[in-house]
Amino acid sequence: MRSKLALMLIGRKLGIKSSPAAKRRILFNILLISVVVAALVFAQLFVVSMSRGIANKYALLGNGHLQVHEKAGTPIPDLKQIVDVQLVAQTYSLLYSPSKNLMVRLKGVERSYFNSQRLGELTFLDTPLDTKGSSLPQILLSKSIASKLEVGQGDKVALMMISNNSLRPQLCIVGNLYDSGYKELDENLIFCDFSLMDKLFSSKADTYYELLVADNEADEVRSILEREGLSVTSWEEENYAVASNLETSRQAVLGVMIVVAILCGYFISELSRELIEDDKRRIALLKLLGSGNSLIRGVYFSTVMLVTLTSIVLGTASGILLGLNLGSMLSFLAAKSIPALAFYLLDFQVMVPFLDIAIILFVLILVSSLSVLWSLRRVRNIPLLSSTRFD
């Protein structure tokens, strides 16, 4: 009997067989909470996806997932988790154009370096330059560097090299321009042929093996290589400032989302206060009819939590759906070349951070439950005389 009464009361509070005004109030609260949850989910999805996208750019183009710091010719174990192995050399050099100069990171690579994975992270702005009639070596500049030096494809630039403790320039031709989509990476990274690095900077360049590995396999591969006696580092160690900033940003945004979820949970408790305030007379009448405080609190708690859980499901689904359809909007923004967005990565694969979303939703449900239970204490303070109406 008590359960049937409770179900009937919950149904009426949810707007079932109730007045249009009651239905509108419930639907409005569901809509409002859903919008907040969708915004929380979408924001976390966007930030985590962008951070992973930036990390992927640095891993594929900057240093590889893992780096083996051994001399050329050192055998690398053939592991199924290793997708690609490349011998590369890098150093820092001054790059001169007719009007300006810039300190750049020069990376010497073989032709096989630009495989399908790396090409997927790059956009070449022109077709490769045909320099068969020239003895000058080609280099690959980013769009950002070319803009700073005021040069374009086919123009001549000079790399400053050190030979016998003296400086002399090496003329090169800008063979092509690339754009990775992330300006901070593009602003100092240029590519040249590995043989040019060996010729110009043989004693100054850092030569190592750059490894690409399957997703989430880097730690296992590193352990195996270190057991083989190889000196191994990760891209996070080679780019510590970038990696730590990305992780700090993700945690900071997650913290903000949790705070917003706490505030949303407090707002949800206001719904229970509103329902109780409107139903004081009905609650007093139920008490007169023999209903206990626990039954009445259970009805209002169940009502509010059903509204909350429905809103969370709708909001989470909406936030994820919106996030998974980000691609077209990001492509549109990237095509517009908006200066304010120049240092943001707009070309990344969207991924759903299930753990982060679960933490946010858990906090929201926990705070909502506790705050609603706290607000329902006033049920026992409603006097029986509240059921009496004087004319």
Protein backbone atom coordinates (compact mmCIF):
# COMPACT_ATOMS: atom_id res chain seq x y z
CA MET A 1 0.00 0.00 0.00
CA ARG A 2 2.81 2.40 0.93
CA SER A 3 4.70 1.64 -2.29
CA LYS A 4 1.59 2.22 -4.43
CA LEU A 5 0.95 5.51 -2.66
CA ALA A 6 4.58 6.55 -3.13
CA LEU A 7 4.50 5.69 -6.86
CA MET A 8 1.27 7.62 -7.32
CA LEU A 9 2.68 10.69 -5.57
CA ILE A 10 5.95 10.51 -7.52
CA GLY A 11 3.99 10.30 -10.77
CA ARG A 12 1.97 13.38 -9.86
CA LYS A 13 5.08 15.34 -8.89
CA LEU A 14 6.65 14.41 -12.25
CA GLY A 15 3.64 15.87 -14.03
CA ILE A 16 1.91 12.59 -14.91
CA LYS A 17 -1.86 13.16 -14.74
CA SER A 18 -1.15 16.58 -13.31
CA SER A 19 -1.77 20.18 -14.30
CA PRO A 20 -0.03 21.75 -17.33
CA ALA A 21 1.79 24.14 -14.99
CA ALA A 22 3.33 21.23 -13.04
CA LYS A 23 4.41 19.56 -16.29
CA ARG A 24 5.98 22.77 -17.57
CA ARG A 25 7.93 23.21 -14.34
CA ILE A 26 9.36 19.69 -14.49
CA LEU A 27 10.21 20.00 -18.21
CA PHE A 28 11.86 23.37 -17.64
CA ASN A 29 14.07 21.95 -14.90
CA ILE A 30 14.99 18.94 -17.04
CA LEU A 31 15.90 21.26 -19.91
CA LEU A 32 17.94 23.59 -17.71
CA ILE A 33 19.93 20.82 -16.03
CA SER A 34 20.44 19.04 -19.37
CA VAL A 35 21.92 22.18 -20.92
CA VAL A 36 24.37 22.56 -18.02
CA VAL A 37 25.41 18.89 -18.19
CA ALA A 38 25.79 19.06 -21.99
CA ALA A 39 28.04 22.11 -21.62
CA LEU A 40 30.18 20.36 -18.98
CA VAL A 41 30.58 17.22 -21.10
CA PHE A 42 31.26 19.15 -24.30
CA ALA A 43 33.85 21.43 -22.66
CA GLN A 44 35.78 18.51 -21.16
CA LEU A 45 35.60 16.54 -24.41
CA PHE A 46 36.89 19.54 -26.37
CA VAL A 47 39.80 20.31 -24.03
CA VAL A 48 40.95 16.69 -23.68
CA SER A 49 40.69 16.08 -27.45
CA MET A 50 42.69 19.23 -28.22
CA SER A 51 45.36 18.28 -25.65
CA ARG A 52 45.66 14.80 -27.13
CA GLY A 53 45.82 16.32 -30.61
CA ILE A 54 48.68 18.63 -29.62
CA ALA A 55 50.51 15.73 -27.95
CA ASN A 56 50.07 13.68 -31.12
CA LYS A 57 51.53 16.49 -33.25
CA TYR A 58 54.61 16.66 -31.05
CA ALA A 59 54.99 12.88 -31.00
CA LEU A 60 54.64 12.38 -34.76
CA LEU A 61 56.51 15.45 -36.01
CA GLY A 62 58.63 16.59 -33.10
CA ASN A 63 60.39 13.62 -31.53
CA GLY A 64 58.42 10.41 -32.01
CA HIS A 65 56.67 8.56 -29.20
CA LEU A 66 60.03 7.15 -28.05
CA GLN A 67 63.64 8.09 -28.76
CA VAL A 68 66.54 5.62 -28.69
CA HIS A 69 69.77 7.56 -28.10
CA GLU A 70 72.29 5.21 -29.65
CA LYS A 71 74.77 5.57 -32.52
CA ALA A 72 73.75 4.83 -36.11
CA GLY A 73 73.70 1.13 -36.92
CA THR A 74 72.51 0.04 -33.47
CA PRO A 75 69.97 -2.78 -33.96
CA ILE A 76 66.47 -1.98 -32.72
CA PRO A 77 64.41 -5.02 -31.60
CA ASP A 78 61.65 -5.91 -34.05
CA LEU A 79 58.54 -5.56 -31.87
CA LYS A 80 54.98 -5.75 -33.14
CA GLN A 81 54.09 -2.65 -31.09
CA ILE A 82 56.64 -0.54 -33.02
CA VAL A 83 55.00 1.01 -36.08
CA ASP A 84 57.98 2.89 -37.52
CA VAL A 85 61.70 3.40 -36.84
CA GLN A 86 63.63 6.33 -38.32
CA LEU A 87 67.21 7.50 -37.89
CA VAL A 88 67.11 11.29 -37.52
CA ALA A 89 69.51 14.07 -36.59
CA GLN A 90 68.71 17.45 -35.13
CA THR A 91 70.44 20.65 -34.13
CA TYR A 92 69.73 24.34 -33.75
CA SER A 93 70.89 26.83 -36.33
CA LEU A 94 70.40 30.39 -37.49
CA LEU A 95 68.39 30.66 -40.69
CA TYR A 96 68.88 33.79 -42.80
CA SER A 97 66.68 35.30 -45.48
CA PRO A 98 67.53 38.48 -47.44
CA SER A 99 65.67 40.57 -44.85
CA LYS A 100 65.52 38.66 -41.54
CA ASN A 101 67.01 35.80 -39.51
CA LEU A 102 65.58 33.27 -37.08
CA MET A 103 66.85 30.58 -34.71
CA VAL A 104 65.31 27.27 -35.81
CA ARG A 105 65.36 23.62 -34.93
CA LEU A 106 66.79 21.80 -37.95
CA LYS A 107 65.78 18.16 -38.30
CA GLY A 108 67.47 15.85 -40.80
CA VAL A 109 65.34 12.94 -41.99
CA GLU A 110 65.30 10.27 -44.70
CA ARG A 111 62.70 10.28 -47.48
CA SER A 112 60.83 7.44 -45.76
CA TYR A 113 60.27 9.65 -42.70
CA PHE A 114 57.05 11.14 -44.05
CA ASN A 115 54.89 8.03 -43.88
CA SER A 116 51.09 7.99 -43.94
CA GLN A 117 50.81 8.80 -40.21
CA ARG A 118 53.02 11.87 -40.41
CA LEU A 119 51.55 13.04 -43.71
CA GLY A 120 48.14 12.91 -42.03
CA GLU A 121 49.34 15.63 -39.63
CA LEU A 122 50.66 17.92 -42.38
CA THR A 123 49.29 20.07 -45.17
CA PHE A 124 51.72 20.97 -47.94
CA LEU A 125 50.94 24.33 -49.45
CA ASP A 126 52.50 23.67 -52.88
CA THR A 127 53.66 20.83 -55.09
CA PRO A 128 57.31 19.81 -54.50
CA LEU A 129 59.81 22.09 -56.24
CA ASP A 130 61.77 20.62 -59.16
CA THR A 131 65.42 21.58 -58.58
CA LYS A 132 67.18 19.16 -60.93
CA GLY A 133 69.16 22.03 -62.45
CA SER A 134 70.40 23.27 -59.06
CA SER A 135 73.08 21.88 -56.78
CA LEU A 136 71.65 23.65 -53.74
CA PRO A 137 69.98 21.41 -51.12
CA GLN A 138 66.28 21.77 -50.39
CA ILE A 139 64.75 22.43 -46.99
CA LEU A 140 61.13 22.20 -45.86
CA LEU A 141 59.88 25.30 -44.03
CA SER A 142 56.65 25.83 -42.16
CA LYS A 143 54.21 28.48 -43.29
CA SER A 144 54.86 30.38 -40.03
CA ILE A 145 58.64 30.50 -40.50
CA ALA A 146 58.31 31.47 -44.17
CA SER A 147 56.00 34.31 -43.18
CA LYS A 148 58.45 35.59 -40.54
CA LEU A 149 61.41 35.42 -42.95
CA GLU A 150 59.32 36.83 -45.82
CA VAL A 151 60.24 34.01 -48.21
CA GLY A 152 58.28 31.51 -50.29
CA GLN A 153 58.79 28.34 -52.29
CA GLY A 154 61.84 28.55 -54.55
CA ASP A 155 63.51 31.36 -52.58
CA LYS A 156 67.06 31.02 -51.28
CA VAL A 157 67.90 31.08 -47.59
CA ALA A 158 71.13 30.46 -45.70
CA LEU A 159 71.86 28.08 -42.83
CA MET A 160 74.72 29.22 -40.62
CA MET A 161 77.09 26.29 -40.07
CA ILE A 162 80.15 25.87 -37.86
CA SER A 163 83.27 24.48 -39.52
CA ASN A 164 86.70 24.40 -37.83
CA ASN A 165 85.45 26.89 -35.21
CA SER A 166 84.47 29.35 -37.92
CA LEU A 167 81.07 30.34 -39.23
CA ARG A 168 80.05 30.09 -42.85
CA PRO A 169 76.64 30.04 -44.53
CA GLN A 170 75.18 27.19 -46.54
CA LEU A 171 72.75 28.35 -49.20
CA CYS A 172 69.55 26.29 -49.49
CA ILE A 173 66.35 26.45 -51.52
CA VAL A 174 62.91 26.45 -49.93
CA GLY A 175 61.57 23.29 -51.56
CA ASN A 176 58.09 23.44 -50.06
CA LEU A 177 56.01 24.87 -47.22
CA TYR A 178 54.07 22.84 -44.67
CA ASP A 179 51.41 23.58 -42.07
CA SER A 180 50.82 21.19 -39.16
CA GLY A 181 47.87 23.18 -37.85
CA TYR A 182 49.62 24.05 -34.59
CA LYS A 183 51.54 27.30 -34.80
CA GLU A 184 53.63 26.81 -31.66
CA LEU A 185 55.22 23.69 -33.18
CA ASP A 186 55.59 25.21 -36.64
CA GLU A 187 57.35 28.36 -35.44
CA ASN A 188 60.79 26.76 -35.10
CA LEU A 189 60.78 23.35 -36.84
CA ILE A 190 62.25 22.85 -40.32
CA PHE A 191 63.21 19.65 -42.15
CA CYS A 192 66.11 18.81 -44.43
CA ASP A 193 67.71 15.70 -45.88
CA PHE A 194 69.63 13.53 -43.41
CA SER A 195 72.73 13.65 -45.63
CA LEU A 196 72.75 17.47 -45.43
CA MET A 197 72.76 17.31 -41.64
CA ASP A 198 75.61 14.80 -41.73
CA LYS A 199 77.56 17.10 -44.05
CA LEU A 200 76.98 20.40 -42.27
CA PHE A 201 76.63 19.51 -38.60
CA SER A 202 78.13 16.03 -38.23
CA SER A 203 79.89 16.85 -34.95
CA LYS A 204 77.17 19.15 -33.59
CA ALA A 205 73.99 17.24 -34.42
CA ASP A 206 72.19 14.92 -32.02
CA THR A 207 71.58 11.64 -33.86
CA TYR A 208 69.01 9.19 -32.51
CA TYR A 209 66.31 6.71 -33.53
CA GLU A 210 62.75 8.00 -33.54
CA LEU A 211 60.06 5.38 -32.85
CA LEU A 212 56.34 5.46 -33.46
CA VAL A 213 54.42 2.90 -31.43
CA ALA A 214 50.84 1.68 -31.27
CA ASP A 215 48.38 3.49 -29.02
CA ASN A 216 49.02 3.09 -25.26
CA GLU A 217 52.00 0.78 -25.89
CA ALA A 218 54.82 3.27 -25.28
CA ASP A 219 55.49 2.25 -21.66
CA GLU A 220 55.65 -1.46 -22.50
CA VAL A 221 57.94 -0.90 -25.50
CA ARG A 222 60.20 1.35 -23.44
CA SER A 223 60.55 -1.30 -20.73
CA ILE A 224 61.54 -3.92 -23.32
CA LEU A 225 64.09 -1.64 -24.98
CA GLU A 226 65.64 -0.64 -21.66
CA ARG A 227 66.00 -4.32 -20.72
CA GLU A 228 67.99 -4.66 -23.96
CA GLY A 229 70.39 -2.02 -22.63
CA LEU A 230 69.22 0.84 -24.87
CA SER A 231 68.95 4.46 -23.71
CA VAL A 232 65.31 5.46 -24.23
CA THR A 233 63.34 8.66 -23.59
CA SER A 234 59.74 9.62 -24.32
CA TRP A 235 58.36 12.64 -26.15
CA GLU A 236 57.11 13.99 -22.79
CA GLU A 237 60.68 14.02 -21.45
CA GLU A 238 62.02 15.68 -24.60
CA ASN A 239 59.24 18.30 -24.46
CA TYR A 240 58.73 18.52 -20.71
CA ALA A 241 57.31 22.05 -20.65
CA VAL A 242 54.74 21.27 -23.35
CA ALA A 243 53.69 17.94 -21.80
CA SER A 244 53.38 19.39 -18.29
CA ASN A 245 51.39 22.38 -19.57
CA LEU A 246 48.97 20.09 -21.41
CA GLU A 247 48.43 17.92 -18.33
CA THR A 248 48.06 20.95 -16.07
CA SER A 249 45.52 22.48 -18.44
CA ARG A 250 43.49 19.26 -18.54
CA GLN A 251 43.46 18.96 -14.76
CA ALA A 252 42.62 22.65 -14.31
CA VAL A 253 39.68 22.43 -16.70
CA LEU A 254 38.51 19.23 -14.99
CA GLY A 255 38.67 21.07 -11.66
CA VAL A 256 36.58 23.93 -13.04
CA MET A 257 34.04 21.47 -14.44
CA ILE A 258 33.79 19.76 -11.03
CA VAL A 259 33.17 23.13 -9.34
CA VAL A 260 30.43 23.91 -11.88
CA ALA A 261 28.96 20.44 -11.24
CA ILE A 262 28.89 21.20 -7.50
CA LEU A 263 27.06 24.47 -8.15
CA CYS A 264 24.63 22.63 -10.42
CA GLY A 265 24.04 20.09 -7.64
CA TYR A 266 23.19 22.93 -5.28
CA PHE A 267 20.75 24.34 -7.85
CA ILE A 268 19.06 20.93 -8.03
CA SER A 269 18.44 21.09 -4.27
CA GLU A 270 16.57 24.34 -4.90
CA LEU A 271 14.09 22.32 -6.95
CA SER A 272 13.27 20.19 -3.91
CA ARG A 273 12.88 23.31 -1.75
CA GLU A 274 10.53 24.78 -4.33
CA LEU A 275 8.42 21.62 -4.46
CA ILE A 276 8.16 21.45 -0.67
CA GLU A 277 7.31 25.13 -0.36
CA ASP A 278 4.53 24.78 -2.92
CA ASP A 279 3.18 21.59 -1.33
CA LYS A 280 3.19 22.51 2.36
CA ARG A 281 -0.59 22.09 2.63
CA ARG A 282 -0.55 18.73 0.81
CA ILE A 283 2.35 17.48 2.96
CA ALA A 284 0.48 18.45 6.15
CA LEU A 285 -2.62 16.68 4.82
CA LEU A 286 -0.60 13.53 4.11
CA LYS A 287 0.68 13.65 7.69
CA LEU A 288 -2.88 13.92 8.99
CA LEU A 289 -3.78 10.85 6.92
CA GLY A 290 -1.00 8.89 8.63
CA SER A 291 1.91 9.19 6.19
CA GLY A 292 5.28 9.32 7.90
CA ASN A 293 8.08 11.80 7.28
CA SER A 294 10.24 9.07 5.73
CA LEU A 295 7.58 8.29 3.08
CA ILE A 296 7.14 11.96 2.20
CA ARG A 297 10.90 12.56 2.04
CA GLY A 298 11.29 9.46 -0.12
CA VAL A 299 8.66 10.74 -2.58
CA TYR A 300 10.32 14.14 -3.01
CA PHE A 301 13.84 12.68 -3.08
CA SER A 302 12.85 10.16 -5.76
CA THR A 303 11.12 12.87 -7.78
CA VAL A 304 14.10 15.22 -7.77
CA MET A 305 16.64 12.45 -8.47
CA LEU A 306 14.55 11.09 -11.36
CA VAL A 307 14.54 14.58 -12.84
CA THR A 308 18.31 14.82 -12.23
CA LEU A 309 19.15 11.41 -13.73
CA THR A 310 16.94 12.04 -16.77
CA SER A 311 18.68 15.39 -17.28
CA ILE A 312 22.12 13.81 -16.90
CA VAL A 313 21.38 11.13 -19.51
CA LEU A 314 19.98 13.68 -21.98
CA GLY A 315 22.75 16.21 -21.28
CA THR A 316 25.57 13.66 -21.56
CA ALA A 317 24.21 12.28 -24.83
CA SER A 318 23.78 15.80 -26.23
CA GLY A 319 27.28 16.88 -25.16
CA ILE A 320 28.94 13.81 -26.69
CA LEU A 321 26.87 14.08 -29.88
CA LEU A 322 27.79 17.75 -30.23
CA GLY A 323 31.45 16.98 -29.60
CA LEU A 324 31.58 14.18 -32.16
CA ASN A 325 30.27 16.60 -34.79
CA LEU A 326 32.94 19.21 -34.08
CA GLY A 327 34.91 18.43 -37.22
CA SER A 328 32.96 20.57 -39.67
CA MET A 329 32.88 23.55 -37.30
CA LEU A 330 36.63 23.33 -36.63
CA SER A 331 37.38 23.03 -40.35
CA PHE A 332 35.30 26.15 -40.96
CA LEU A 333 37.18 28.09 -38.26
CA ALA A 334 40.56 26.88 -39.54
CA ALA A 335 39.69 28.00 -43.08
CA LYS A 336 38.85 31.49 -41.81
CA SER A 337 42.40 31.93 -40.38
CA ILE A 338 41.14 33.98 -37.44
CA PRO A 339 44.20 35.60 -35.75
CA ALA A 340 42.79 35.08 -32.24
CA LEU A 341 42.72 31.30 -32.88
CA ALA A 342 46.20 31.10 -34.43
CA PHE A 343 47.77 29.42 -31.38
CA TYR A 344 44.93 26.90 -30.94
CA LEU A 345 44.94 23.52 -32.61
CA LEU A 346 41.83 23.23 -34.78
CA ASP A 347 42.77 20.00 -36.51
CA PHE A 348 42.41 17.11 -34.08
CA GLN A 349 40.55 13.85 -33.71
CA VAL A 350 37.72 14.02 -31.21
CA MET A 351 37.87 11.41 -28.45
CA VAL A 352 35.50 10.89 -25.54
CA PRO A 353 37.25 11.10 -22.11
CA PHE A 354 34.98 8.62 -20.36
CA LEU A 355 36.88 8.74 -17.06
CA ASP A 356 36.76 12.55 -16.82
CA ILE A 357 33.07 12.60 -17.72
CA ALA A 358 32.35 9.87 -15.17
CA ILE A 359 34.12 11.90 -12.45
CA ILE A 360 32.11 15.04 -13.28
CA LEU A 361 28.79 13.16 -13.33
CA PHE A 362 29.62 11.28 -10.12
CA VAL A 363 30.31 14.58 -8.33
CA LEU A 364 27.09 16.05 -9.72
CA ILE A 365 24.97 13.09 -8.57
CA LEU A 366 26.69 12.95 -5.15
CA VAL A 367 26.29 16.67 -4.46
CA SER A 368 22.71 16.61 -5.73
CA SER A 369 21.80 13.69 -3.48
CA LEU A 370 23.37 15.21 -0.38
CA SER A 371 21.96 18.69 -0.96
CA VAL A 372 18.47 17.34 -1.68
CA LEU A 373 18.54 15.19 1.48
CA TRP A 374 19.65 18.24 3.45
CA SER A 375 16.84 20.39 2.06
CA LEU A 376 14.23 17.69 2.80
CA ARG A 377 14.85 18.04 6.54
CA ARG A 378 12.21 20.79 6.55
CA VAL A 379 9.48 18.20 5.87
CA ARG A 380 9.32 17.25 9.56
CA ASN A 381 8.99 20.93 10.52
CA ILE A 382 5.80 21.48 8.53
CA PRO A 383 2.97 21.85 11.11
CA LEU A 384 -0.27 19.93 10.71
CA LEU A 385 -2.18 23.22 10.83
CA SER A 386 -0.72 23.99 7.40
CA SER A 387 -3.48 21.79 5.99
CA THR A 388 -6.09 24.18 7.36
CA ARG A 389 -7.29 27.00 5.19
CA PHE A 390 -9.09 29.94 6.77
CA ASP A 391 -11.48 32.08 4.75
